[in-house]
Amino acid sequence: MDPKGWRVKLNDGHFIPVLGFGTYAPEEVPKSKAIEATKLAIDAGFRHIDSAHVYNNEKEVGQAIRSKIEDGTVKREDIFYTSKVLCIPLGCPTLTAGSWR
């Protein structure tokens, strides 16, 4: 994959790759696989890593990114890590912070 390939220019002048590596995995998949898969994705050329709090693997994905920075494969400024947060409807009395964890 060409890391200089398809990118979109952001308002601050940086470019973000349009193709991101998604880190979702079902609960049955060991968390160690998130580390392994993310490292392989970076080795393959992915520089946009996409995650979400509800995937419950942000720690492992972060470890993989940090490992690839430390071993010199990428620089921190080359990685775009995007995440998503759960939007909670305001004023919904049946939904509490603990109910969606």
PDB file of N, CA and C in Angstrom:
ATOM      1  N   MET A   1       0.847  -1.176   0.000  1.00  0.00           N
ATOM      2  CA  MET A   1       0.000   0.000   0.000  1.00  0.00           C
ATOM      3  C   MET A   1       0.893   1.240   0.000  1.00  0.00           C
ATOM      4  N   ASP A   2       0.592   2.176  -0.848  1.00  0.00           N
ATOM      5  CA  ASP A   2       1.391   3.392  -0.944  1.00  0.00           C
ATOM      6  C   ASP A   2       0.943   4.395   0.114  1.00  0.00           C
ATOM      7  N   PRO A   3       1.770   4.675   1.140  1.00  0.00           N
ATOM      8  CA  PRO A   3       1.365   5.613   2.193  1.00  0.00           C
ATOM      9  C   PRO A   3       1.160   7.031   1.678  1.00  0.00           C
ATOM     10  N   LYS A   4       1.683   7.345   0.507  1.00  0.00           N
ATOM     11  CA  LYS A   4       1.489   8.670  -0.088  1.00  0.00           C
ATOM     12  C   LYS A   4       0.296   8.673  -1.044  1.00  0.00           C
ATOM     13  N   GLY A   5      -0.428   7.582  -1.115  1.00  0.00           N
ATOM     14  CA  GLY A   5      -1.561   7.431  -2.029  1.00  0.00           C
ATOM     15  C   GLY A   5      -2.714   8.353  -1.723  1.00  0.00           C
ATOM     16  N   TRP A   6      -3.882   7.834  -1.726  1.00  0.00           N
ATOM     17  CA  TRP A   6      -5.088   8.650  -1.576  1.00  0.00           C
ATOM     18  C   TRP A   6      -5.150   9.280  -0.201  1.00  0.00           C
ATOM     19  N   ARG A   7      -5.158  10.598  -0.186  1.00  0.00           N
ATOM     20  CA  ARG A   7      -5.192  11.347   1.068  1.00  0.00           C
ATOM     21  C   ARG A   7      -6.110  12.548   0.908  1.00  0.00           C
ATOM     22  N   VAL A   8      -6.563  13.065   2.039  1.00  0.00           N
ATOM     23  CA  VAL A   8      -7.391  14.264   2.057  1.00  0.00           C
ATOM     24  C   VAL A   8      -6.668  15.317   2.878  1.00  0.00           C
ATOM     25  N   LYS A   9      -6.631  16.538   2.340  1.00  0.00           N
ATOM     26  CA  LYS A   9      -5.973  17.628   3.044  1.00  0.00           C
ATOM     27  C   LYS A   9      -6.902  18.167   4.130  1.00  0.00           C
ATOM     28  N   LEU A  10      -6.372  18.297   5.336  1.00  0.00           N
ATOM     29  CA  LEU A  10      -7.123  18.845   6.452  1.00  0.00           C
ATOM     30  C   LEU A  10      -6.922  20.359   6.523  1.00  0.00           C
ATOM     31  N   ASN A  11      -7.760  21.027   7.308  1.00  0.00           N
ATOM     32  CA  ASN A  11      -7.689  22.485   7.430  1.00  0.00           C
ATOM     33  C   ASN A  11      -6.336  22.978   7.921  1.00  0.00           C
ATOM     34  N   ASP A  12      -5.636  22.148   8.715  1.00  0.00           N
ATOM     35  CA  ASP A  12      -4.344  22.578   9.255  1.00  0.00           C
ATOM     36  C   ASP A  12      -3.173  22.280   8.313  1.00  0.00           C
ATOM     37  N   GLY A  13      -3.483  21.768   7.133  1.00  0.00           N
ATOM     38  CA  GLY A  13      -2.444  21.490   6.148  1.00  0.00           C
ATOM     39  C   GLY A  13      -1.941  20.058   6.128  1.00  0.00           C
ATOM     40  N   HIS A  14      -2.239  19.287   7.157  1.00  0.00           N
ATOM     41  CA  HIS A  14      -1.858  17.877   7.181  1.00  0.00           C
ATOM     42  C   HIS A  14      -2.734  17.088   6.218  1.00  0.00           C
ATOM     43  N   PHE A  15      -2.259  15.922   5.842  1.00  0.00           N
ATOM     44  CA  PHE A  15      -3.026  15.034   4.984  1.00  0.00           C
ATOM     45  C   PHE A  15      -3.352  13.760   5.750  1.00  0.00           C
ATOM     46  N   ILE A  16      -4.596  13.305   5.667  1.00  0.00           N
ATOM     47  CA  ILE A  16      -5.001  12.062   6.325  1.00  0.00           C
ATOM     48  C   ILE A  16      -5.330  11.034   5.247  1.00  0.00           C
ATOM     49  N   PRO A  17      -4.835   9.812   5.385  1.00  0.00           N
ATOM     50  CA  PRO A  17      -5.176   8.773   4.415  1.00  0.00           C
ATOM     51  C   PRO A  17      -6.685   8.498   4.439  1.00  0.00           C
ATOM     52  N   VAL A  18      -7.275   8.315   3.258  1.00  0.00           N
ATOM     53  CA  VAL A  18      -8.711   8.052   3.207  1.00  0.00           C
ATOM     54  C   VAL A  18      -9.035   6.614   3.625  1.00  0.00           C
ATOM     55  N   LEU A  19      -8.069   5.735   3.540  1.00  0.00           N
ATOM     56  CA  LEU A  19      -8.270   4.347   3.928  1.00  0.00           C
ATOM     57  C   LEU A  19      -7.652   4.118   5.298  1.00  0.00           C
ATOM     58  N   GLY A  20      -8.478   3.699   6.235  1.00  0.00           N
ATOM     59  CA  GLY A  20      -7.985   3.428   7.577  1.00  0.00           C
ATOM     60  C   GLY A  20      -8.101   1.954   7.916  1.00  0.00           C
ATOM     61  N   PHE A  21      -7.243   1.500   8.791  1.00  0.00           N
ATOM     62  CA  PHE A  21      -7.300   0.123   9.274  1.00  0.00           C
ATOM     63  C   PHE A  21      -8.259   0.071  10.453  1.00  0.00           C
ATOM     64  N   GLY A  22      -9.346  -0.664  10.324  1.00  0.00           N
ATOM     65  CA  GLY A  22     -10.334  -0.806  11.395  1.00  0.00           C
ATOM     66  C   GLY A  22      -9.901  -1.847  12.407  1.00  0.00           C
ATOM     67  N   THR A  23     -10.081  -1.531  13.680  1.00  0.00           N
ATOM     68  CA  THR A  23      -9.578  -2.415  14.741  1.00  0.00           C
ATOM     69  C   THR A  23     -10.674  -3.193  15.465  1.00  0.00           C
ATOM     70  N   TYR A  24     -11.911  -3.163  14.954  1.00  0.00           N
ATOM     71  CA  TYR A  24     -12.980  -3.906  15.622  1.00  0.00           C
ATOM     72  C   TYR A  24     -12.715  -5.405  15.544  1.00  0.00           C
ATOM     73  N   ALA A  25     -13.015  -6.106  16.634  1.00  0.00           N
ATOM     74  CA  ALA A  25     -12.958  -7.566  16.669  1.00  0.00           C
ATOM     75  C   ALA A  25     -14.001  -8.044  17.674  1.00  0.00           C
ATOM     76  N   PRO A  26     -14.679  -9.165  17.401  1.00  0.00           N
ATOM     77  CA  PRO A  26     -15.649  -9.701  18.357  1.00  0.00           C
ATOM     78  C   PRO A  26     -14.972 -10.030  19.690  1.00  0.00           C
ATOM     79  N   GLU A  27     -15.758 -10.107  20.744  1.00  0.00           N
ATOM     80  CA  GLU A  27     -15.220 -10.379  22.086  1.00  0.00           C
ATOM     81  C   GLU A  27     -14.456 -11.693  22.165  1.00  0.00           C
ATOM     82  N   GLU A  28     -14.801 -12.651  21.316  1.00  0.00           N
ATOM     83  CA  GLU A  28     -14.147 -13.969  21.358  1.00  0.00           C
ATOM     84  C   GLU A  28     -12.681 -13.894  20.916  1.00  0.00           C
ATOM     85  N   VAL A  29     -12.337 -12.855  20.198  1.00  0.00           N
ATOM     86  CA  VAL A  29     -10.964 -12.710  19.689  1.00  0.00           C
ATOM     87  C   VAL A  29     -10.080 -12.173  20.812  1.00  0.00           C
ATOM     88  N   PRO A  30      -8.983 -12.866  21.117  1.00  0.00           N
ATOM     89  CA  PRO A  30      -8.085 -12.399  22.181  1.00  0.00           C
ATOM     90  C   PRO A  30      -7.547 -10.995  21.896  1.00  0.00           C
ATOM     91  N   LYS A  31      -7.405 -10.199  22.933  1.00  0.00           N
ATOM     92  CA  LYS A  31      -6.910  -8.820  22.800  1.00  0.00           C
ATOM     93  C   LYS A  31      -5.518  -8.788  22.181  1.00  0.00           C
ATOM     94  N   SER A  32      -4.731  -9.835  22.392  1.00  0.00           N
ATOM     95  CA  SER A  32      -3.384  -9.880  21.817  1.00  0.00           C
ATOM     96  C   SER A  32      -3.423  -9.846  20.287  1.00  0.00           C
ATOM     97  N   LYS A  33      -4.517 -10.278  19.708  1.00  0.00           N
ATOM     98  CA  LYS A  33      -4.657 -10.247  18.245  1.00  0.00           C
ATOM     99  C   LYS A  33      -4.761  -8.816  17.731  1.00  0.00           C
ATOM    100  N   ALA A  34      -5.296  -7.903  18.555  1.00  0.00           N
ATOM    101  CA  ALA A  34      -5.363  -6.496  18.152  1.00  0.00           C
ATOM    102  C   ALA A  34      -3.961  -5.921  18.018  1.00  0.00           C
ATOM    103  N   ILE A  35      -3.081  -6.317  18.921  1.00  0.00           N
ATOM    104  CA  ILE A  35      -1.685  -5.870  18.838  1.00  0.00           C
ATOM    105  C   ILE A  35      -1.054  -6.411  17.557  1.00  0.00           C
ATOM    106  N   GLU A  36      -1.192  -7.688  17.348  1.00  0.00           N
ATOM    107  CA  GLU A  36      -0.596  -8.351  16.186  1.00  0.00           C
ATOM    108  C   GLU A  36      -1.138  -7.773  14.874  1.00  0.00           C
ATOM    109  N   ALA A  37      -2.454  -7.640  14.779  1.00  0.00           N
ATOM    110  CA  ALA A  37      -3.069  -7.150  13.538  1.00  0.00           C
ATOM    111  C   ALA A  37      -2.693  -5.699  13.257  1.00  0.00           C
ATOM    112  N   THR A  38      -2.638  -4.875  14.289  1.00  0.00           N
ATOM    113  CA  THR A  38      -2.288  -3.471  14.098  1.00  0.00           C
ATOM    114  C   THR A  38      -0.840  -3.327  13.656  1.00  0.00           C
ATOM    115  N   LYS A  39       0.044  -4.112  14.238  1.00  0.00           N
ATOM    116  CA  LYS A  39       1.444  -4.085  13.800  1.00  0.00           C
ATOM    117  C   LYS A  39       1.561  -4.498  12.333  1.00  0.00           C
ATOM    118  N   LEU A  40       0.838  -5.550  11.948  1.00  0.00           N
ATOM    119  CA  LEU A  40       0.872  -5.999  10.549  1.00  0.00           C
ATOM    120  C   LEU A  40       0.319  -4.928   9.613  1.00  0.00           C
ATOM    121  N   ALA A  41      -0.734  -4.237  10.057  1.00  0.00           N
ATOM    122  CA  ALA A  41      -1.323  -3.178   9.239  1.00  0.00           C
ATOM    123  C   ALA A  41      -0.319  -2.043   9.017  1.00  0.00           C
ATOM    124  N   ILE A  42       0.383  -1.664  10.069  1.00  0.00           N
ATOM    125  CA  ILE A  42       1.396  -0.610   9.933  1.00  0.00           C
ATOM    126  C   ILE A  42       2.519  -1.076   9.019  1.00  0.00           C
ATOM    127  N   ASP A  43       2.944  -2.322   9.178  1.00  0.00           N
ATOM    128  CA  ASP A  43       3.977  -2.875   8.294  1.00  0.00           C
ATOM    129  C   ASP A  43       3.521  -2.874   6.828  1.00  0.00           C
ATOM    130  N   ALA A  44       2.222  -3.067   6.613  1.00  0.00           N
ATOM    131  CA  ALA A  44       1.672  -3.106   5.251  1.00  0.00           C
ATOM    132  C   ALA A  44       1.495  -1.711   4.658  1.00  0.00           C
ATOM    133  N   GLY A  45       1.652  -0.670   5.495  1.00  0.00           N
ATOM    134  CA  GLY A  45       1.585   0.683   4.970  1.00  0.00           C
ATOM    135  C   GLY A  45       0.453   1.538   5.501  1.00  0.00           C
ATOM    136  N   PHE A  46      -0.430   0.966   6.302  1.00  0.00           N
ATOM    137  CA  PHE A  46      -1.516   1.768   6.869  1.00  0.00           C
ATOM    138  C   PHE A  46      -0.938   2.821   7.814  1.00  0.00           C
ATOM    139  N   ARG A  47      -1.428   4.043   7.686  1.00  0.00           N
ATOM    140  CA  ARG A  47      -1.025   5.121   8.584  1.00  0.00           C
ATOM    141  C   ARG A  47      -2.233   5.752   9.265  1.00  0.00           C
ATOM    142  N   HIS A  48      -3.413   5.285   8.917  1.00  0.00           N
ATOM    143  CA  HIS A  48      -4.659   5.733   9.548  1.00  0.00           C
ATOM    144  C   HIS A  48      -5.233   4.516  10.277  1.00  0.00           C
ATOM    145  N   ILE A  49      -5.279   4.595  11.590  1.00  0.00           N
ATOM    146  CA  ILE A  49      -5.793   3.507  12.422  1.00  0.00           C
ATOM    147  C   ILE A  49      -7.106   3.979  13.031  1.00  0.00           C
ATOM    148  N   ASP A  50      -8.175   3.231  12.806  1.00  0.00           N
ATOM    149  CA  ASP A  50      -9.509   3.629  13.260  1.00  0.00           C
ATOM    150  C   ASP A  50      -9.988   2.696  14.360  1.00  0.00           C
ATOM    151  N   SER A  51     -10.446   3.278  15.456  1.00  0.00           N
ATOM    152  CA  SER A  51     -10.880   2.502  16.609  1.00  0.00           C
ATOM    153  C   SER A  51     -12.141   3.119  17.209  1.00  0.00           C
ATOM    154  N   ALA A  52     -12.561   2.590  18.337  1.00  0.00           N
ATOM    155  CA  ALA A  52     -13.692   3.136  19.095  1.00  0.00           C
ATOM    156  C   ALA A  52     -13.592   2.629  20.529  1.00  0.00           C
ATOM    157  N   HIS A  53     -14.056   3.437  21.442  1.00  0.00           N
ATOM    158  CA  HIS A  53     -14.034   3.063  22.860  1.00  0.00           C
ATOM    159  C   HIS A  53     -14.778   1.747  23.093  1.00  0.00           C
ATOM    160  N   VAL A  54     -15.892   1.557  22.398  1.00  0.00           N
ATOM    161  CA  VAL A  54     -16.698   0.348  22.620  1.00  0.00           C
ATOM    162  C   VAL A  54     -16.030  -0.920  22.098  1.00  0.00           C
ATOM    163  N   TYR A  55     -14.968  -0.803  21.298  1.00  0.00           N
ATOM    164  CA  TYR A  55     -14.240  -1.993  20.841  1.00  0.00           C
ATOM    165  C   TYR A  55     -13.458  -2.621  21.980  1.00  0.00           C
ATOM    166  N   ASN A  56     -13.172  -1.833  23.012  1.00  0.00           N
ATOM    167  CA  ASN A  56     -12.480  -2.312  24.211  1.00  0.00           C
ATOM    168  C   ASN A  56     -11.083  -2.875  23.903  1.00  0.00           C
ATOM    169  N   ASN A  57     -10.413  -2.271  22.936  1.00  0.00           N
ATOM    170  CA  ASN A  57      -9.048  -2.707  22.624  1.00  0.00           C
ATOM    171  C   ASN A  57      -8.116  -1.523  22.369  1.00  0.00           C
ATOM    172  N   GLU A  58      -8.503  -0.350  22.829  1.00  0.00           N
ATOM    173  CA  GLU A  58      -7.677   0.835  22.593  1.00  0.00           C
ATOM    174  C   GLU A  58      -6.286   0.708  23.202  1.00  0.00           C
ATOM    175  N   LYS A  59      -6.192   0.079  24.364  1.00  0.00           N
ATOM    176  CA  LYS A  59      -4.888  -0.108  25.012  1.00  0.00           C
ATOM    177  C   LYS A  59      -3.963  -0.937  24.119  1.00  0.00           C
ATOM    178  N   GLU A  60      -4.481  -2.029  23.601  1.00  0.00           N
ATOM    179  CA  GLU A  60      -3.669  -2.925  22.768  1.00  0.00           C
ATOM    180  C   GLU A  60      -3.280  -2.263  21.446  1.00  0.00           C
ATOM    181  N   VAL A  61      -4.204  -1.540  20.849  1.00  0.00           N
ATOM    182  CA  VAL A  61      -3.900  -0.830  19.604  1.00  0.00           C
ATOM    183  C   VAL A  61      -2.810   0.212  19.869  1.00  0.00           C
ATOM    184  N   GLY A  62      -2.925   0.918  20.988  1.00  0.00           N
ATOM    185  CA  GLY A  62      -1.906   1.893  21.367  1.00  0.00           C
ATOM    186  C   GLY A  62      -0.545   1.255  21.575  1.00  0.00           C
ATOM    187  N   GLN A  63      -0.530   0.075  22.182  1.00  0.00           N
ATOM    188  CA  GLN A  63       0.734  -0.634  22.384  1.00  0.00           C
ATOM    189  C   GLN A  63       1.381  -0.981  21.046  1.00  0.00           C
ATOM    190  N   ALA A  64       0.564  -1.400  20.092  1.00  0.00           N
ATOM    191  CA  ALA A  64       1.092  -1.749  18.772  1.00  0.00           C
ATOM    192  C   ALA A  64       1.675  -0.525  18.078  1.00  0.00           C
ATOM    193  N   ILE A  65       0.949   0.593  18.141  1.00  0.00           N
ATOM    194  CA  ILE A  65       1.444   1.825  17.520  1.00  0.00           C
ATOM    195  C   ILE A  65       2.750   2.262  18.178  1.00  0.00           C
ATOM    196  N   ARG A  66       2.764   2.255  19.510  1.00  0.00           N
ATOM    197  CA  ARG A  66       3.974   2.653  20.243  1.00  0.00           C
ATOM    198  C   ARG A  66       5.156   1.747  19.872  1.00  0.00           C
ATOM    199  N   SER A  67       4.909   0.454  19.741  1.00  0.00           N
ATOM    200  CA  SER A  67       5.960  -0.494  19.379  1.00  0.00           C
ATOM    201  C   SER A  67       6.548  -0.171  18.008  1.00  0.00           C
ATOM    202  N   LYS A  68       5.682   0.170  17.055  1.00  0.00           N
ATOM    203  CA  LYS A  68       6.149   0.477  15.702  1.00  0.00           C
ATOM    204  C   LYS A  68       6.883   1.820  15.634  1.00  0.00           C
ATOM    205  N   ILE A  69       6.542   2.721  16.541  1.00  0.00           N
ATOM    206  CA  ILE A  69       7.292   3.981  16.625  1.00  0.00           C
ATOM    207  C   ILE A  69       8.670   3.709  17.221  1.00  0.00           C
ATOM    208  N   GLU A  70       8.686   2.925  18.292  1.00  0.00           N
ATOM    209  CA  GLU A  70       9.952   2.622  18.971  1.00  0.00           C
ATOM    210  C   GLU A  70      10.920   1.839  18.098  1.00  0.00           C
ATOM    211  N   ASP A  71      10.389   0.940  17.242  1.00  0.00           N
ATOM    212  CA  ASP A  71      11.310   0.152  16.408  1.00  0.00           C
ATOM    213  C   ASP A  71      11.698   0.882  15.115  1.00  0.00           C
ATOM    214  N   GLY A  72      11.188   2.119  14.946  1.00  0.00           N
ATOM    215  CA  GLY A  72      11.588   2.935  13.806  1.00  0.00           C
ATOM    216  C   GLY A  72      10.793   2.725  12.528  1.00  0.00           C
ATOM    217  N   THR A  73       9.762   1.889  12.583  1.00  0.00           N
ATOM    218  CA  THR A  73       8.955   1.642  11.389  1.00  0.00           C
ATOM    219  C   THR A  73       8.232   2.907  10.947  1.00  0.00           C
ATOM    220  N   VAL A  74       7.692   3.658  11.909  1.00  0.00           N
ATOM    221  CA  VAL A  74       6.972   4.903  11.617  1.00  0.00           C
ATOM    222  C   VAL A  74       7.366   5.963  12.630  1.00  0.00           C
ATOM    223  N   LYS A  75       7.047   7.202  12.289  1.00  0.00           N
ATOM    224  CA  LYS A  75       7.186   8.310  13.225  1.00  0.00           C
ATOM    225  C   LYS A  75       5.785   8.632  13.741  1.00  0.00           C
ATOM    226  N   ARG A  76       5.716   9.192  14.936  1.00  0.00           N
ATOM    227  CA  ARG A  76       4.416   9.534  15.514  1.00  0.00           C
ATOM    228  C   ARG A  76       3.623  10.452  14.589  1.00  0.00           C
ATOM    229  N   GLU A  77       4.299  11.399  13.963  1.00  0.00           N
ATOM    230  CA  GLU A  77       3.598  12.353  13.108  1.00  0.00           C
ATOM    231  C   GLU A  77       3.049  11.726  11.824  1.00  0.00           C
ATOM    232  N   ASP A  78       3.428  10.478  11.531  1.00  0.00           N
ATOM    233  CA  ASP A  78       2.913   9.781  10.349  1.00  0.00           C
ATOM    234  C   ASP A  78       1.618   9.023  10.622  1.00  0.00           C
ATOM    235  N   ILE A  79       1.281   8.844  11.889  1.00  0.00           N
ATOM    236  CA  ILE A  79       0.107   8.043  12.264  1.00  0.00           C
ATOM    237  C   ILE A  79      -1.085   8.937  12.571  1.00  0.00           C
ATOM    238  N   PHE A  80      -2.222   8.582  11.997  1.00  0.00           N
ATOM    239  CA  PHE A  80      -3.501   9.198  12.345  1.00  0.00           C
ATOM    240  C   PHE A  80      -4.319   8.145  13.065  1.00  0.00           C
ATOM    241  N   TYR A  81      -4.614   8.412  14.324  1.00  0.00           N
ATOM    242  CA  TYR A  81      -5.439   7.507  15.131  1.00  0.00           C
ATOM    243  C   TYR A  81      -6.790   8.178  15.310  1.00  0.00           C
ATOM    244  N   THR A  82      -7.818   7.558  14.787  1.00  0.00           N
ATOM    245  CA  THR A  82      -9.163   8.108  14.935  1.00  0.00           C
ATOM    246  C   THR A  82      -9.989   7.167  15.788  1.00  0.00           C
ATOM    247  N   SER A  83     -10.915   7.747  16.522  1.00  0.00           N
ATOM    248  CA  SER A  83     -11.764   6.961  17.406  1.00  0.00           C
ATOM    249  C   SER A  83     -13.176   7.520  17.360  1.00  0.00           C
ATOM    250  N   LYS A  84     -14.081   6.802  17.935  1.00  0.00           N
ATOM    251  CA  LYS A  84     -15.474   7.215  17.997  1.00  0.00           C
ATOM    252  C   LYS A  84     -15.935   7.141  19.448  1.00  0.00           C
ATOM    253  N   VAL A  85     -16.866   8.022  19.798  1.00  0.00           N
ATOM    254  CA  VAL A  85     -17.467   7.978  21.123  1.00  0.00           C
ATOM    255  C   VAL A  85     -18.947   7.717  20.960  1.00  0.00           C
ATOM    256  N   LEU A  86     -19.525   7.097  21.965  1.00  0.00           N
ATOM    257  CA  LEU A  86     -20.951   6.798  21.942  1.00  0.00           C
ATOM    258  C   LEU A  86     -21.723   8.067  22.263  1.00  0.00           C
ATOM    259  N   CYS A  87     -22.657   8.407  21.408  1.00  0.00           N
ATOM    260  CA  CYS A  87     -23.502   9.570  21.663  1.00  0.00           C
ATOM    261  C   CYS A  87     -24.695   9.124  22.500  1.00  0.00           C
ATOM    262  N   ILE A  88     -24.861   9.766  23.636  1.00  0.00           N
ATOM    263  CA  ILE A  88     -25.966   9.447  24.522  1.00  0.00           C
ATOM    264  C   ILE A  88     -27.045  10.505  24.336  1.00  0.00           C
ATOM    265  N   PRO A  89     -28.267  10.079  23.998  1.00  0.00           N
ATOM    266  CA  PRO A  89     -29.339  11.069  23.842  1.00  0.00           C
ATOM    267  C   PRO A  89     -29.560  11.841  25.142  1.00  0.00           C
ATOM    268  N   LEU A  90     -29.603  13.141  25.045  1.00  0.00           N
ATOM    269  CA  LEU A  90     -29.824  13.967  26.221  1.00  0.00           C
ATOM    270  C   LEU A  90     -31.260  13.807  26.702  1.00  0.00           C
ATOM    271  N   GLY A  91     -31.405  13.749  27.994  1.00  0.00           N
ATOM    272  CA  GLY A  91     -32.742  13.695  28.570  1.00  0.00           C
ATOM    273  C   GLY A  91     -33.408  12.329  28.514  1.00  0.00           C
ATOM    274  N   CYS A  92     -32.665  11.284  28.233  1.00  0.00           N
ATOM    275  CA  CYS A  92     -33.245   9.945  28.195  1.00  0.00           C
ATOM    276  C   CYS A  92     -33.131   9.334  29.589  1.00  0.00           C
ATOM    277  N   PRO A  93     -34.237   9.276  30.347  1.00  0.00           N
ATOM    278  CA  PRO A  93     -34.157   8.829  31.740  1.00  0.00           C
ATOM    279  C   PRO A  93     -33.809   7.350  31.907  1.00  0.00           C
ATOM    280  N   THR A  94     -33.990   6.547  30.862  1.00  0.00           N
ATOM    281  CA  THR A  94     -33.709   5.114  31.000  1.00  0.00           C
ATOM    282  C   THR A  94     -32.277   4.761  30.657  1.00  0.00           C
ATOM    283  N   LEU A  95     -31.519   5.698  30.135  1.00  0.00           N
ATOM    284  CA  LEU A  95     -30.145   5.435  29.731  1.00  0.00           C
ATOM    285  C   LEU A  95     -29.191   6.127  30.685  1.00  0.00           C
ATOM    286  N   THR A  96     -28.352   5.325  31.334  1.00  0.00           N
ATOM    287  CA  THR A  96     -27.357   5.872  32.250  1.00  0.00           C
ATOM    288  C   THR A  96     -25.970   5.464  31.732  1.00  0.00           C
ATOM    289  N   ALA A  97     -24.961   6.106  32.253  1.00  0.00           N
ATOM    290  CA  ALA A  97     -23.612   5.806  31.798  1.00  0.00           C
ATOM    291  C   ALA A  97     -23.259   4.341  31.958  1.00  0.00           C
ATOM    292  N   GLY A  98     -23.715   3.698  33.015  1.00  0.00           N
ATOM    293  CA  GLY A  98     -23.396   2.289  33.227  1.00  0.00           C
ATOM    294  C   GLY A  98     -24.155   1.333  32.351  1.00  0.00           C
ATOM    295  N   SER A  99     -25.255   1.772  31.748  1.00  0.00           N
ATOM    296  CA  SER A  99     -26.083   0.860  30.965  1.00  0.00           C
ATOM    297  C   SER A  99     -25.512   0.538  29.609  1.00  0.00           C
ATOM    298  N   TRP A 100     -24.586   1.322  29.098  1.00  0.00           N
ATOM    299  CA  TRP A 100     -24.032   1.031  27.788  1.00  0.00           C
ATOM    300  C   TRP A 100     -22.615   0.521  27.831  1.00  0.00           C
ATOM    301  N   ARG A 101     -22.126   0.197  28.987  1.00  0.00           N
ATOM    302  CA  ARG A 101     -20.777  -0.355  29.085  1.00  0.00           C
ATOM    303  C   ARG A 101     -20.764  -1.831  28.891  1.00  0.00           C
TER     304      ARG A 101
END
